[in-house]
Amino acid sequence: MSRIVEWMAFALLAGLSAIGYALWQAEGLGLWTGMAFGFCL
């Protein structure tokens, strides 16, 4: 059970990181803005 939770948490973090990076590249936003957006989600 704990293994599934670990994978879900890892997938969520990886997804947020990928989305934040994509938005940062696409919109030309600053690194801190992308990080703040990621934490707000």
N, C-alpha and C. Protein backbone atom coordinates (compact mmCIF):
# COMPACT_ATOMS: atom_id res chain seq x y z
N MET A 1 0.84 -1.20 0.00
CA MET A 1 0.00 0.00 0.00
C MET A 1 0.87 1.25 0.00
N SER A 2 1.86 1.26 0.87
CA SER A 2 2.73 2.43 0.96
C SER A 2 3.47 2.66 -0.35
N ARG A 3 3.78 1.55 -1.05
CA ARG A 3 4.49 1.68 -2.32
C ARG A 3 3.63 2.42 -3.34
N ILE A 4 2.33 2.13 -3.34
CA ILE A 4 1.41 2.79 -4.28
C ILE A 4 1.35 4.29 -3.97
N VAL A 5 1.28 4.61 -2.68
CA VAL A 5 1.23 6.01 -2.28
C VAL A 5 2.50 6.74 -2.70
N GLU A 6 3.64 6.06 -2.55
CA GLU A 6 4.92 6.67 -2.94
C GLU A 6 4.93 6.96 -4.43
N TRP A 7 4.45 6.00 -5.24
CA TRP A 7 4.44 6.20 -6.69
C TRP A 7 3.48 7.32 -7.08
N MET A 8 2.32 7.40 -6.39
CA MET A 8 1.35 8.45 -6.69
C MET A 8 1.94 9.82 -6.38
N ALA A 9 2.63 9.93 -5.24
CA ALA A 9 3.25 11.19 -4.86
C ALA A 9 4.33 11.57 -5.86
N PHE A 10 5.13 10.59 -6.27
CA PHE A 10 6.20 10.85 -7.24
C PHE A 10 5.62 11.30 -8.58
N ALA A 11 4.55 10.63 -9.02
CA ALA A 11 3.91 10.98 -10.29
C ALA A 11 3.34 12.39 -10.23
N LEU A 12 2.75 12.75 -9.09
CA LEU A 12 2.16 14.08 -8.94
C LEU A 12 3.25 15.16 -8.99
N LEU A 13 4.35 14.94 -8.27
CA LEU A 13 5.44 15.90 -8.27
C LEU A 13 6.06 16.03 -9.66
N ALA A 14 6.24 14.89 -10.33
CA ALA A 14 6.81 14.90 -11.68
C ALA A 14 5.89 15.64 -12.63
N GLY A 15 4.59 15.41 -12.50
CA GLY A 15 3.62 16.08 -13.37
C GLY A 15 3.62 17.59 -13.16
N LEU A 16 3.63 18.02 -11.90
CA LEU A 16 3.65 19.45 -11.62
C LEU A 16 4.93 20.09 -12.13
N SER A 17 6.04 19.39 -11.97
CA SER A 17 7.32 19.92 -12.44
C SER A 17 7.30 20.07 -13.96
N ALA A 18 6.77 19.06 -14.65
CA ALA A 18 6.72 19.10 -16.12
C ALA A 18 5.80 20.21 -16.59
N ILE A 19 4.64 20.36 -15.94
CA ILE A 19 3.69 21.41 -16.33
C ILE A 19 4.29 22.79 -16.06
N GLY A 20 4.90 22.94 -14.90
CA GLY A 20 5.51 24.23 -14.56
C GLY A 20 6.61 24.60 -15.54
N TYR A 21 7.44 23.62 -15.89
CA TYR A 21 8.54 23.88 -16.82
C TYR A 21 8.00 24.22 -18.20
N ALA A 22 6.97 23.51 -18.65
CA ALA A 22 6.38 23.76 -19.96
C ALA A 22 5.79 25.17 -20.02
N LEU A 23 5.10 25.57 -18.96
CA LEU A 23 4.51 26.91 -18.93
C LEU A 23 5.61 27.97 -18.90
N TRP A 24 6.67 27.70 -18.14
CA TRP A 24 7.79 28.64 -18.05
C TRP A 24 8.42 28.83 -19.42
N GLN A 25 8.61 27.75 -20.17
CA GLN A 25 9.20 27.84 -21.50
C GLN A 25 8.25 28.51 -22.49
N ALA A 26 6.97 28.12 -22.44
CA ALA A 26 5.99 28.62 -23.41
C ALA A 26 5.67 30.10 -23.20
N GLU A 27 5.52 30.51 -21.95
CA GLU A 27 5.11 31.88 -21.67
C GLU A 27 6.28 32.82 -21.40
N GLY A 28 7.47 32.26 -21.28
CA GLY A 28 8.63 33.10 -21.02
C GLY A 28 8.59 33.69 -19.61
N LEU A 29 7.95 32.99 -18.70
CA LEU A 29 7.86 33.48 -17.32
C LEU A 29 9.17 33.26 -16.59
N GLY A 30 9.33 33.94 -15.47
CA GLY A 30 10.54 33.77 -14.68
C GLY A 30 10.51 32.44 -13.95
N LEU A 31 11.66 31.98 -13.52
CA LEU A 31 11.75 30.70 -12.81
C LEU A 31 10.93 30.73 -11.52
N TRP A 32 11.02 31.81 -10.77
CA TRP A 32 10.31 31.90 -9.50
C TRP A 32 8.80 31.93 -9.71
N THR A 33 8.37 32.56 -10.80
CA THR A 33 6.93 32.61 -11.09
C THR A 33 6.42 31.20 -11.36
N GLY A 34 7.21 30.43 -12.12
CA GLY A 34 6.82 29.05 -12.42
C GLY A 34 6.77 28.20 -11.16
N MET A 35 7.73 28.40 -10.26
CA MET A 35 7.76 27.63 -9.02
C MET A 35 6.56 28.01 -8.14
N ALA A 36 6.26 29.30 -8.06
CA ALA A 36 5.12 29.75 -7.26
C ALA A 36 3.82 29.17 -7.82
N PHE A 37 3.70 29.15 -9.16
CA PHE A 37 2.51 28.59 -9.79
C PHE A 37 2.38 27.11 -9.46
N GLY A 38 3.51 26.41 -9.49
CA GLY A 38 3.50 24.98 -9.19
C GLY A 38 3.07 24.72 -7.76
N PHE A 39 3.55 25.53 -6.82
CA PHE A 39 3.19 25.32 -5.42
C PHE A 39 1.74 25.70 -5.16
N CYS A 40 1.20 26.66 -5.93
CA CYS A 40 -0.19 27.07 -5.74
C CYS A 40 -1.15 25.98 -6.21
N LEU A 41 -0.72 25.17 -7.19
CA LEU A 41 -1.57 24.07 -7.64
C LEU A 41 -1.57 23.01 -6.57
